[in-house]
């Protein structure tokens, strides 16, 4: 009795090997019609919308840079735009926290009356900055903008606009 359940393309894959694009399967000779899954395509955004008002100045600048770069590569779409917003916002909060920590320091030192150190505590802002950076790295991995994740992103092929360019 066969109990395998076929997954729809919208279902999340279980842990295991990452999916190979169909083009790579064809090149390696392992493509089989029974295993093909349709590739998901979203409409790309060419004009980048303005950053959300709640972002700080660092986040707004990073948002514009990142969104314009992804739009130039034709990788920005309505589906991943919130991820770009999240990435820029987390990095903006991280930079803001780091600038504050440069002024105040990262630790609170408690001393006794003689000046001896009783206790050294890490400031909550330092913990928050670490969390912001961790969140931003997760967003960056999803977008494929870290060096390690850049090879996983499938960029659309540039098609010649001039029909006579092949001649």
N, C-alpha and C. Protein backbone atom coordinates (compact mmCIF):
# COMPACT_ATOMS: atom_id res chain seq x y z
N UNK A 1 0.83 -1.17 0.00
CA UNK A 1 0.00 0.00 0.00
C UNK A 1 0.88 1.24 0.00
N UNK A 2 0.72 2.08 -0.98
CA UNK A 2 1.54 3.27 -1.13
C UNK A 2 0.90 4.42 -0.37
N UNK A 3 1.63 4.94 0.61
CA UNK A 3 1.07 6.01 1.44
C UNK A 3 1.73 7.36 1.17
N UNK A 4 2.46 7.47 0.07
CA UNK A 4 3.09 8.74 -0.25
C UNK A 4 2.02 9.78 -0.59
N UNK A 5 2.21 10.96 -0.09
CA UNK A 5 1.30 12.05 -0.36
C UNK A 5 2.05 13.06 -1.21
N UNK A 6 1.46 13.40 -2.35
CA UNK A 6 2.12 14.38 -3.21
C UNK A 6 1.92 15.77 -2.63
N UNK A 7 3.02 16.55 -2.65
CA UNK A 7 2.97 17.91 -2.12
C UNK A 7 2.60 18.86 -3.24
N UNK A 8 1.87 19.89 -2.87
CA UNK A 8 1.59 20.95 -3.83
C UNK A 8 2.76 21.92 -3.80
N UNK A 9 2.94 22.74 -4.84
CA UNK A 9 4.06 23.68 -4.85
C UNK A 9 4.03 24.70 -3.72
N UNK A 10 2.87 24.93 -3.12
CA UNK A 10 2.76 25.92 -2.04
C UNK A 10 3.16 25.38 -0.68
N UNK A 11 3.28 24.07 -0.56
CA UNK A 11 3.63 23.49 0.73
C UNK A 11 5.11 23.67 1.00
N UNK A 12 5.44 23.79 2.26
CA UNK A 12 6.83 23.97 2.66
C UNK A 12 7.54 22.63 2.59
N UNK A 13 8.75 22.63 2.02
CA UNK A 13 9.53 21.40 1.94
C UNK A 13 10.05 21.02 3.31
N UNK A 14 10.18 19.73 3.53
CA UNK A 14 10.72 19.23 4.77
C UNK A 14 12.24 19.37 4.74
N UNK A 15 12.88 19.29 5.90
CA UNK A 15 14.34 19.38 5.92
C UNK A 15 14.96 18.29 5.06
N UNK A 16 16.07 18.60 4.49
CA UNK A 16 16.76 17.67 3.62
C UNK A 16 17.55 18.44 2.59
N UNK A 17 17.81 17.83 1.49
CA UNK A 17 18.56 18.49 0.44
C UNK A 17 17.75 19.65 -0.13
N UNK A 18 18.44 20.76 -0.45
CA UNK A 18 17.72 21.85 -1.09
C UNK A 18 17.32 21.47 -2.50
N UNK A 19 16.21 22.03 -2.96
CA UNK A 19 15.72 21.72 -4.31
C UNK A 19 16.68 22.25 -5.35
N UNK A 20 16.84 21.49 -6.41
CA UNK A 20 17.65 21.90 -7.54
C UNK A 20 16.74 22.50 -8.58
N UNK A 21 17.15 23.60 -9.21
CA UNK A 21 16.34 24.15 -10.29
C UNK A 21 16.27 23.16 -11.46
N UNK A 22 15.17 23.21 -12.19
CA UNK A 22 14.96 22.29 -13.31
C UNK A 22 16.07 22.41 -14.36
N UNK A 23 16.57 23.61 -14.58
CA UNK A 23 17.63 23.79 -15.58
C UNK A 23 18.89 23.04 -15.18
N UNK A 24 19.22 23.03 -13.88
CA UNK A 24 20.40 22.30 -13.42
C UNK A 24 20.19 20.80 -13.55
N UNK A 25 18.97 20.35 -13.29
CA UNK A 25 18.68 18.91 -13.45
C UNK A 25 18.85 18.49 -14.90
N UNK A 26 18.40 19.34 -15.82
CA UNK A 26 18.54 19.01 -17.24
C UNK A 26 20.00 18.96 -17.65
N UNK A 27 20.79 19.89 -17.15
CA UNK A 27 22.21 19.91 -17.49
C UNK A 27 22.95 18.68 -16.94
N UNK A 28 22.57 18.25 -15.75
CA UNK A 28 23.24 17.09 -15.16
C UNK A 28 22.65 15.76 -15.63
N UNK A 29 21.55 15.81 -16.37
CA UNK A 29 20.95 14.58 -16.90
C UNK A 29 20.07 13.85 -15.92
N UNK A 30 19.64 14.50 -14.84
CA UNK A 30 18.80 13.84 -13.84
C UNK A 30 17.35 14.30 -13.88
N UNK A 31 16.99 15.07 -14.89
CA UNK A 31 15.63 15.58 -14.99
C UNK A 31 14.68 14.47 -15.40
N UNK A 32 13.59 14.35 -14.65
CA UNK A 32 12.57 13.36 -14.97
C UNK A 32 11.21 14.07 -14.98
N UNK A 33 10.40 13.81 -16.00
CA UNK A 33 9.11 14.49 -16.09
C UNK A 33 8.21 14.26 -14.87
N UNK A 34 8.31 13.10 -14.25
CA UNK A 34 7.44 12.81 -13.11
C UNK A 34 7.81 13.61 -11.87
N UNK A 35 9.01 14.17 -11.83
CA UNK A 35 9.47 14.90 -10.65
C UNK A 35 9.46 16.41 -10.84
N UNK A 36 9.04 16.89 -11.96
CA UNK A 36 9.07 18.32 -12.23
C UNK A 36 8.04 19.07 -11.41
N UNK A 37 8.47 20.21 -10.92
CA UNK A 37 7.57 21.09 -10.19
C UNK A 37 7.61 22.45 -10.87
N UNK A 38 6.49 23.10 -10.96
CA UNK A 38 6.49 24.40 -11.64
C UNK A 38 7.28 25.44 -10.84
N UNK A 39 8.04 26.26 -11.56
CA UNK A 39 8.75 27.35 -10.91
C UNK A 39 7.78 28.48 -10.62
N UNK A 40 7.96 29.11 -9.48
CA UNK A 40 7.10 30.21 -9.08
C UNK A 40 7.67 31.51 -9.62
N UNK A 41 6.83 32.30 -10.26
CA UNK A 41 7.26 33.58 -10.80
C UNK A 41 6.35 34.68 -10.26
N UNK A 42 6.97 35.76 -9.82
CA UNK A 42 6.22 36.91 -9.35
C UNK A 42 6.57 38.10 -10.24
N UNK A 43 5.65 39.02 -10.33
CA UNK A 43 5.86 40.23 -11.14
C UNK A 43 6.92 41.10 -10.46
N UNK A 44 7.93 41.50 -11.20
CA UNK A 44 9.01 42.30 -10.62
C UNK A 44 8.59 43.77 -10.49
N UNK A 45 9.22 44.44 -9.53
CA UNK A 45 8.99 45.85 -9.30
C UNK A 45 10.14 46.62 -9.94
N UNK A 46 9.82 47.58 -10.77
CA UNK A 46 10.88 48.38 -11.39
C UNK A 46 11.03 49.73 -10.70
N UNK A 47 9.92 50.28 -10.20
CA UNK A 47 9.97 51.55 -9.48
C UNK A 47 9.84 51.26 -7.98
N UNK A 48 10.89 51.58 -7.25
CA UNK A 48 10.92 51.27 -5.82
C UNK A 48 10.03 52.23 -5.05
N UNK A 49 9.10 51.71 -4.23
CA UNK A 49 8.25 52.59 -3.42
C UNK A 49 9.07 53.26 -2.32
N UNK A 50 8.58 54.38 -1.80
CA UNK A 50 9.34 55.06 -0.73
C UNK A 50 9.39 54.21 0.53
N UNK A 51 10.40 54.44 1.37
CA UNK A 51 10.49 53.66 2.61
C UNK A 51 9.38 54.03 3.58
N UNK A 52 9.01 53.11 4.47
CA UNK A 52 7.99 53.43 5.48
C UNK A 52 8.44 54.59 6.37
N UNK A 53 7.49 55.34 6.85
CA UNK A 53 7.77 56.54 7.65
C UNK A 53 8.39 56.21 9.01
N UNK A 54 8.09 55.03 9.55
CA UNK A 54 8.57 54.69 10.88
C UNK A 54 10.06 54.35 10.94
N UNK A 55 10.70 54.18 9.79
CA UNK A 55 12.12 53.81 9.77
C UNK A 55 12.99 55.01 10.19
N UNK A 56 14.11 54.69 10.83
CA UNK A 56 15.06 55.77 11.15
C UNK A 56 15.88 56.11 9.91
N UNK A 57 16.71 57.14 9.99
CA UNK A 57 17.41 57.62 8.80
C UNK A 57 18.38 56.59 8.23
N UNK A 58 18.99 55.78 9.09
CA UNK A 58 19.92 54.75 8.61
C UNK A 58 19.17 53.67 7.84
N UNK A 59 18.02 53.29 8.36
CA UNK A 59 17.22 52.25 7.71
C UNK A 59 16.68 52.73 6.37
N UNK A 60 16.25 53.98 6.31
CA UNK A 60 15.73 54.52 5.05
C UNK A 60 16.80 54.53 3.96
N UNK A 61 18.01 54.91 4.33
CA UNK A 61 19.10 54.93 3.35
C UNK A 61 19.42 53.52 2.88
N UNK A 62 19.50 52.57 3.80
CA UNK A 62 19.78 51.18 3.42
C UNK A 62 18.64 50.59 2.59
N UNK A 63 17.41 50.93 2.94
CA UNK A 63 16.26 50.45 2.18
C UNK A 63 16.36 50.90 0.72
N UNK A 64 16.64 52.19 0.52
CA UNK A 64 16.74 52.71 -0.84
C UNK A 64 17.86 52.02 -1.62
N UNK A 65 19.01 51.85 -0.99
CA UNK A 65 20.15 51.21 -1.65
C UNK A 65 19.83 49.76 -2.00
N UNK A 66 19.34 49.00 -1.03
CA UNK A 66 19.07 47.58 -1.24
C UNK A 66 17.95 47.38 -2.24
N UNK A 67 16.87 48.12 -2.09
CA UNK A 67 15.73 47.95 -3.00
C UNK A 67 16.11 48.33 -4.43
N UNK A 68 16.88 49.40 -4.60
CA UNK A 68 17.30 49.79 -5.95
C UNK A 68 18.24 48.77 -6.58
N UNK A 69 19.14 48.20 -5.78
CA UNK A 69 20.04 47.17 -6.30
C UNK A 69 19.25 45.93 -6.72
N UNK A 70 18.32 45.49 -5.89
CA UNK A 70 17.52 44.30 -6.22
C UNK A 70 16.60 44.57 -7.41
N UNK A 71 16.07 45.78 -7.49
CA UNK A 71 15.22 46.13 -8.63
C UNK A 71 16.04 46.16 -9.91
N UNK A 72 17.29 46.64 -9.82
CA UNK A 72 18.16 46.66 -10.99
C UNK A 72 18.50 45.27 -11.48
N UNK A 73 18.55 44.30 -10.56
CA UNK A 73 18.80 42.91 -10.93
C UNK A 73 17.51 42.16 -11.28
N UNK A 74 16.39 42.87 -11.21
CA UNK A 74 15.06 42.30 -11.45
C UNK A 74 14.73 41.20 -10.44
N UNK A 75 15.16 41.39 -9.19
CA UNK A 75 14.88 40.44 -8.12
C UNK A 75 13.87 40.97 -7.12
N UNK A 76 13.49 42.23 -7.25
CA UNK A 76 12.54 42.83 -6.30
C UNK A 76 11.13 42.64 -6.81
N UNK A 77 10.26 42.10 -5.94
CA UNK A 77 8.85 41.93 -6.29
C UNK A 77 7.99 42.22 -5.06
N UNK A 78 6.69 42.19 -5.27
CA UNK A 78 5.75 42.50 -4.18
C UNK A 78 5.87 41.54 -3.01
N UNK A 79 6.30 40.32 -3.29
CA UNK A 79 6.37 39.30 -2.24
C UNK A 79 7.59 39.51 -1.35
N UNK A 80 8.74 39.88 -1.93
CA UNK A 80 9.93 40.03 -1.09
C UNK A 80 10.18 41.46 -0.64
N UNK A 81 9.36 42.40 -1.04
CA UNK A 81 9.51 43.79 -0.59
C UNK A 81 9.41 43.91 0.93
N UNK A 82 8.47 43.23 1.61
CA UNK A 82 8.44 43.31 3.08
C UNK A 82 9.71 42.75 3.73
N UNK A 83 10.37 41.80 3.08
CA UNK A 83 11.63 41.27 3.62
C UNK A 83 12.72 42.34 3.51
N UNK A 84 12.73 43.09 2.42
CA UNK A 84 13.68 44.19 2.28
C UNK A 84 13.41 45.24 3.35
N UNK A 85 12.15 45.54 3.60
CA UNK A 85 11.78 46.51 4.64
C UNK A 85 12.25 46.01 6.00
N UNK A 86 12.02 44.74 6.30
CA UNK A 86 12.45 44.18 7.58
C UNK A 86 13.96 44.20 7.74
N UNK A 87 14.67 43.84 6.67
CA UNK A 87 16.13 43.86 6.71
C UNK A 87 16.65 45.27 6.99
N UNK A 88 16.16 46.24 6.24
CA UNK A 88 16.62 47.62 6.42
C UNK A 88 16.26 48.15 7.80
N UNK A 89 15.07 47.83 8.28
CA UNK A 89 14.64 48.30 9.59
C UNK A 89 15.51 47.72 10.71
N UNK A 90 15.79 46.43 10.64
CA UNK A 90 16.62 45.80 11.67
C UNK A 90 18.04 46.35 11.64
N UNK A 91 18.60 46.55 10.45
CA UNK A 91 19.94 47.12 10.36
C UNK A 91 19.95 48.57 10.85
N UNK A 92 18.90 49.31 10.56
CA UNK A 92 18.80 50.68 11.05
C UNK A 92 18.77 50.74 12.57
N UNK A 93 17.99 49.85 13.16
CA UNK A 93 17.94 49.79 14.63
C UNK A 93 19.28 49.36 15.20
N UNK A 94 19.96 48.44 14.52
CA UNK A 94 21.29 47.99 14.96
C UNK A 94 22.28 49.15 14.95
N UNK A 95 22.33 49.90 13.85
CA UNK A 95 23.26 51.03 13.76
C UNK A 95 22.94 52.10 14.80
N UNK A 96 21.66 52.35 14.99
CA UNK A 96 21.25 53.33 15.99
C UNK A 96 21.71 52.90 17.39
N UNK A 97 21.53 51.62 17.69
CA UNK A 97 21.96 51.10 18.99
C UNK A 97 23.48 51.16 19.12
N UNK A 98 24.21 50.84 18.05
CA UNK A 98 25.67 50.89 18.10
C UNK A 98 26.18 52.31 18.33
N UNK A 99 25.57 53.30 17.70
CA UNK A 99 25.98 54.68 17.92
C UNK A 99 25.73 55.08 19.37
N UNK A 100 24.62 54.65 19.94
CA UNK A 100 24.32 54.94 21.33
C UNK A 100 25.31 54.24 22.26
N UNK A 101 25.65 52.99 21.93
CA UNK A 101 26.59 52.23 22.77
C UNK A 101 28.00 52.82 22.72
N UNK A 102 28.36 53.46 21.63
CA UNK A 102 29.66 54.12 21.57
C UNK A 102 29.73 55.27 22.57
N UNK A 103 28.59 55.90 22.81
CA UNK A 103 28.55 57.01 23.76
C UNK A 103 28.48 56.53 25.21
N UNK A 104 27.69 55.50 25.46
CA UNK A 104 27.43 55.08 26.84
C UNK A 104 28.30 53.92 27.31
N UNK A 105 28.84 53.15 26.37
CA UNK A 105 29.56 51.94 26.74
C UNK A 105 28.62 50.75 26.72
N UNK A 106 29.19 49.57 26.83
CA UNK A 106 28.41 48.33 26.74
C UNK A 106 28.14 47.69 28.09
N UNK A 107 28.80 48.18 29.12
CA UNK A 107 28.69 47.54 30.42
C UNK A 107 28.35 48.55 31.50
N UNK A 108 27.72 48.04 32.54
CA UNK A 108 27.48 48.83 33.74
C UNK A 108 28.30 48.18 34.84
N UNK A 109 29.21 48.95 35.43
CA UNK A 109 30.10 48.42 36.45
C UNK A 109 29.66 48.94 37.81
N UNK A 110 29.38 48.03 38.75
CA UNK A 110 29.02 48.41 40.12
C UNK A 110 30.27 48.27 40.98
N UNK A 111 30.55 49.32 41.74
CA UNK A 111 31.73 49.32 42.62
C UNK A 111 31.30 49.55 44.06
N UNK A 112 32.13 49.08 44.97
CA UNK A 112 31.86 49.36 46.38
C UNK A 112 32.46 50.72 46.77
N UNK A 113 32.42 51.05 48.04
CA UNK A 113 32.90 52.36 48.50
C UNK A 113 34.39 52.55 48.28
N UNK A 114 35.14 51.45 48.25
CA UNK A 114 36.60 51.53 48.07
C UNK A 114 36.99 51.54 46.59
N UNK A 115 36.02 51.39 45.70
CA UNK A 115 36.31 51.38 44.27
C UNK A 115 36.52 49.99 43.69
N UNK A 116 36.34 48.98 44.51
CA UNK A 116 36.50 47.61 44.01
C UNK A 116 35.27 47.22 43.18
N UNK A 117 35.51 46.46 42.15
CA UNK A 117 34.41 46.04 41.27
C UNK A 117 33.60 44.95 41.96
N UNK A 118 32.31 45.20 42.09
CA UNK A 118 31.40 44.21 42.66
C UNK A 118 30.74 43.37 41.57
N UNK A 119 30.31 44.07 40.51
CA UNK A 119 29.52 43.38 39.49
C UNK A 119 29.65 44.13 38.16
N UNK A 120 29.78 43.37 37.08
CA UNK A 120 29.79 43.94 35.73
C UNK A 120 28.61 43.36 34.99
N UNK A 121 27.74 44.24 34.51
CA UNK A 121 26.54 43.80 33.79
C UNK A 121 26.59 44.31 32.35
N UNK A 122 26.14 43.47 31.45
CA UNK A 122 25.99 43.88 30.06
C UNK A 122 24.71 44.70 29.95
N UNK A 123 24.79 45.83 29.27
CA UNK A 123 23.62 46.69 29.12
C UNK A 123 22.56 46.03 28.24
N UNK A 124 21.28 46.25 28.54
CA UNK A 124 20.23 45.69 27.71
C UNK A 124 20.30 46.16 26.25
N UNK A 125 20.76 47.37 26.02
CA UNK A 125 20.87 47.88 24.65
C UNK A 125 21.87 47.06 23.84
N UNK A 126 22.92 46.57 24.50
CA UNK A 126 23.90 45.73 23.80
C UNK A 126 23.27 44.40 23.39
N UNK A 127 22.45 43.86 24.27
CA UNK A 127 21.73 42.62 23.94
C UNK A 127 20.76 42.85 22.79
N UNK A 128 20.10 44.01 22.81
CA UNK A 128 19.15 44.34 21.75
C UNK A 128 19.87 44.52 20.42
N UNK A 129 21.04 45.16 20.43
CA UNK A 129 21.81 45.36 19.21
C UNK A 129 22.21 44.02 18.60
N UNK A 130 22.61 43.09 19.44
CA UNK A 130 22.97 41.75 18.97
C UNK A 130 21.77 41.06 18.33
N UNK A 131 20.61 41.23 18.94
CA UNK A 131 19.38 40.65 18.40
C UNK A 131 18.99 41.29 17.07
N UNK A 132 19.14 42.61 16.97
CA UNK A 132 18.84 43.30 15.72
C UNK A 132 19.74 42.78 14.59
N UNK A 133 21.03 42.61 14.88
CA UNK A 133 21.95 42.14 13.86
C UNK A 133 21.63 40.71 13.45
N UNK A 134 21.26 39.89 14.41
CA UNK A 134 20.89 38.50 14.10
C UNK A 134 19.65 38.46 13.21
N UNK A 135 18.66 39.28 13.52
CA UNK A 135 17.45 39.34 12.69
C UNK A 135 17.78 39.83 11.28
N UNK A 136 18.65 40.84 11.18
CA UNK A 136 19.02 41.38 9.88
C UNK A 136 19.75 40.33 9.05
N UNK A 137 20.59 39.53 9.69
CA UNK A 137 21.31 38.47 8.97
C UNK A 137 20.33 37.42 8.43
N UNK A 138 19.30 37.11 9.19
CA UNK A 138 18.30 36.15 8.72
C UNK A 138 17.56 36.72 7.51
N UNK A 139 17.20 37.99 7.56
CA UNK A 139 16.55 38.64 6.40
C UNK A 139 17.50 38.66 5.20
N UNK A 140 18.76 38.97 5.44
CA UNK A 140 19.75 39.05 4.36
C UNK A 140 19.92 37.68 3.69
N UNK A 141 19.89 36.62 4.48
CA UNK A 141 19.98 35.27 3.90
C UNK A 141 18.78 34.97 3.02
N UNK A 142 17.60 35.39 3.47
CA UNK A 142 16.40 35.17 2.67
C UNK A 142 16.46 35.92 1.35
N UNK A 143 17.04 37.11 1.38
CA UNK A 143 17.14 37.92 0.16
C UNK A 143 18.29 37.48 -0.73
N UNK A 144 19.23 36.72 -0.17
CA UNK A 144 20.38 36.28 -0.95
C UNK A 144 21.42 37.38 -1.11
N UNK A 145 21.54 38.25 -0.12
CA UNK A 145 22.49 39.35 -0.24
C UNK A 145 23.72 39.18 0.64
N UNK A 146 23.86 38.04 1.29
CA UNK A 146 25.10 37.74 1.98
C UNK A 146 25.98 36.95 1.01
N UNK A 147 27.29 37.00 1.19
CA UNK A 147 28.16 36.25 0.28
C UNK A 147 27.85 34.75 0.25
N UNK A 148 27.49 34.18 1.39
CA UNK A 148 27.21 32.75 1.44
C UNK A 148 25.88 32.39 0.77
N UNK A 149 24.92 33.30 0.79
CA UNK A 149 23.61 32.98 0.22
C UNK A 149 23.41 33.53 -1.19
N UNK A 150 24.35 34.29 -1.69
CA UNK A 150 24.18 34.92 -3.00
C UNK A 150 24.09 33.89 -4.13
N UNK A 151 24.79 32.78 -3.99
CA UNK A 151 24.77 31.77 -5.05
C UNK A 151 23.45 31.00 -5.10
N UNK A 152 22.64 31.11 -4.08
CA UNK A 152 21.37 30.39 -4.05
C UNK A 152 20.26 31.13 -4.79
N UNK A 153 20.47 32.41 -5.07
CA UNK A 153 19.44 33.23 -5.70
C UNK A 153 19.52 33.06 -7.21
N UNK A 154 18.38 32.78 -7.80
CA UNK A 154 18.30 32.61 -9.24
C UNK A 154 17.96 33.95 -9.86
N UNK A 155 18.92 34.52 -10.60
CA UNK A 155 18.68 35.81 -11.25
C UNK A 155 18.07 35.59 -12.62
N UNK A 156 17.13 36.43 -13.00
CA UNK A 156 16.54 36.29 -14.32
C UNK A 156 17.58 36.58 -15.40
N UNK A 157 17.47 35.85 -16.50
CA UNK A 157 18.39 36.07 -17.60
C UNK A 157 18.06 37.38 -18.29
N UNK A 158 19.10 38.11 -18.67
CA UNK A 158 18.90 39.34 -19.42
C UNK A 158 18.66 38.99 -20.87
N UNK A 159 17.48 39.31 -21.38
CA UNK A 159 17.15 39.02 -22.76
C UNK A 159 17.46 40.26 -23.59
N UNK A 160 18.07 40.09 -24.75
CA UNK A 160 18.38 41.26 -25.57
C UNK A 160 17.11 41.98 -26.00
N UNK A 161 17.15 43.30 -25.92
CA UNK A 161 15.99 44.09 -26.31
C UNK A 161 15.96 44.32 -27.81
N UNK A 162 17.10 44.24 -28.46
CA UNK A 162 17.19 44.45 -29.89
C UNK A 162 17.06 43.10 -30.59
N UNK A 163 16.04 42.89 -31.43
CA UNK A 163 15.90 41.58 -32.07
C UNK A 163 17.02 41.26 -33.04
N UNK A 164 17.78 42.25 -33.47
CA UNK A 164 18.87 42.02 -34.43
C UNK A 164 20.23 41.87 -33.73
N UNK A 165 20.23 41.79 -32.39
CA UNK A 165 21.50 41.74 -31.66
C UNK A 165 22.23 40.41 -31.89
N UNK A 166 21.52 39.35 -32.30
CA UNK A 166 22.15 38.06 -32.54
C UNK A 166 22.94 38.05 -33.85
N UNK A 167 22.67 38.99 -34.71
CA UNK A 167 23.33 38.98 -36.02
C UNK A 167 24.60 39.72 -36.01
